[in-house]
Protein backbone atom coordinates (compact mmCIF):
# COMPACT_ATOMS: atom_id res chain seq x y z
CA MET A 1 -61.91 -4.54 -50.63
CA SER A 2 -59.02 -3.24 -53.04
CA LYS A 3 -57.38 0.37 -53.40
CA ASP A 4 -58.47 2.59 -56.23
CA PRO A 5 -55.70 2.50 -58.52
CA ASP A 6 -57.04 5.67 -60.34
CA LYS A 7 -57.08 7.45 -56.54
CA PRO A 8 -54.44 9.52 -55.28
CA THR A 9 -53.02 8.38 -52.04
CA ARG A 10 -52.97 10.83 -49.06
CA ARG A 11 -49.57 11.45 -47.58
CA LYS A 12 -49.43 11.77 -43.67
CA ARG A 13 -49.20 15.22 -42.29
CA LYS A 14 -46.02 15.99 -40.41
CA PRO A 15 -47.33 17.81 -37.01
CA LYS A 16 -46.96 21.82 -37.08
CA ILE A 17 -46.19 23.44 -33.65
CA GLY A 18 -47.35 26.42 -33.71
CA GLY A 19 -46.54 27.79 -29.85
CA ILE A 20 -46.51 25.71 -26.59
CA LEU A 21 -48.01 26.27 -23.51
CA GLY A 22 -46.53 25.51 -20.33
CA VAL A 23 -49.27 24.71 -17.58
CA GLY A 24 -47.92 24.85 -13.45
CA LEU A 25 -49.74 23.04 -11.03
CA ASP A 26 -48.91 23.64 -7.82
CA ASN A 27 -49.65 27.22 -7.07
CA ALA A 28 -50.95 27.45 -3.26
CA ASP A 29 -50.30 31.02 -2.44
CA GLY A 30 -53.45 32.49 -4.75
CA HIS A 31 -51.20 34.50 -7.30
CA LYS A 32 -51.87 34.13 -10.85
CA ARG A 33 -48.83 33.83 -13.15
CA ILE A 34 -48.77 34.12 -16.74
CA THR A 35 -45.66 34.94 -18.89
CA GLN A 36 -45.74 35.36 -22.34
CA GLY A 37 -43.58 35.09 -25.43
CA GLU A 38 -43.61 35.32 -28.73
CA LYS A 39 -44.38 31.88 -29.44
CA PHE A 40 -45.19 30.54 -25.36
CA VAL A 41 -47.46 31.16 -22.69
CA LEU A 42 -46.58 29.69 -19.40
CA VAL A 43 -49.38 30.24 -16.68
CA GLY A 44 -50.10 29.05 -13.21
CA GLY A 45 -47.56 27.26 -11.02
CA SER A 46 -45.41 28.40 -7.61
CA GLN A 47 -42.81 31.22 -8.36
CA ASP A 48 -40.37 28.36 -8.27
CA THR A 49 -42.75 26.53 -10.93
CA HIS A 50 -43.03 29.07 -12.91
CA ASP A 51 -39.57 30.33 -13.20
CA ARG A 52 -38.11 27.00 -14.12
CA MET A 53 -40.76 27.00 -17.39
CA THR A 54 -39.55 30.48 -17.70
CA GLU A 55 -35.80 29.56 -17.67
CA THR A 56 -36.51 26.39 -20.05
CA MET A 57 -38.39 27.95 -22.23
CA VAL A 58 -35.95 30.79 -22.54
CA LYS A 59 -32.98 28.28 -23.13
CA THR A 60 -35.07 25.81 -25.56
CA PHE A 61 -35.24 29.48 -27.81
CA GLU A 62 -31.24 29.95 -27.47
CA GLU A 63 -31.28 26.20 -28.42
CA LEU A 64 -33.09 26.28 -31.43
CA LYS A 65 -31.56 29.89 -32.81
CA ARG A 66 -28.49 28.26 -32.60
CA ARG A 67 -28.99 25.28 -34.41
CA ASP A 68 -30.87 27.34 -36.81
CA LYS A 69 -34.19 26.12 -36.80
CA HIS A 70 -37.73 27.50 -36.35
CA LEU A 71 -40.31 26.22 -33.63
CA GLU A 72 -42.75 25.49 -37.26
CA THR A 73 -40.57 23.28 -38.78
CA VAL A 74 -38.43 21.46 -35.69
CA ASP A 75 -39.13 17.40 -35.62
CA PRO A 76 -41.38 17.09 -32.40
CA ARG A 77 -38.81 14.37 -30.91
CA GLU A 78 -36.19 17.10 -31.31
CA LEU A 79 -37.96 19.56 -29.70
CA GLY A 80 -38.71 17.39 -26.72
CA GLU A 81 -34.88 16.89 -26.55
CA ILE A 82 -34.02 20.36 -26.64
CA ILE A 83 -36.78 20.58 -24.07
CA ALA A 84 -35.66 18.24 -21.34
CA LYS A 85 -31.82 19.80 -21.95
CA ALA A 86 -32.96 22.96 -21.03
CA GLN A 87 -34.90 22.23 -17.96
CA PRO A 88 -32.95 23.43 -14.70
CA ARG A 89 -31.78 20.67 -12.78
């Protein structure tokens, strides 16, 4: 089966990232932790985990600003690299 030469070809859409959701799963103390930023929401986790997620997001958005990039237009792989570097050790 051949393609119809008169039919327009579809372009693959580049994925857009509208926001980041972080979920911590290690909560044993019963506290409900939620931190919300302009383009991220963090829920759950122990105090330590939630603090680490928050620090990671703050550093991530600082780095995006430093690179003059926006969450909606940054390449997902580049965002992954930025997040990995932003994580506290």
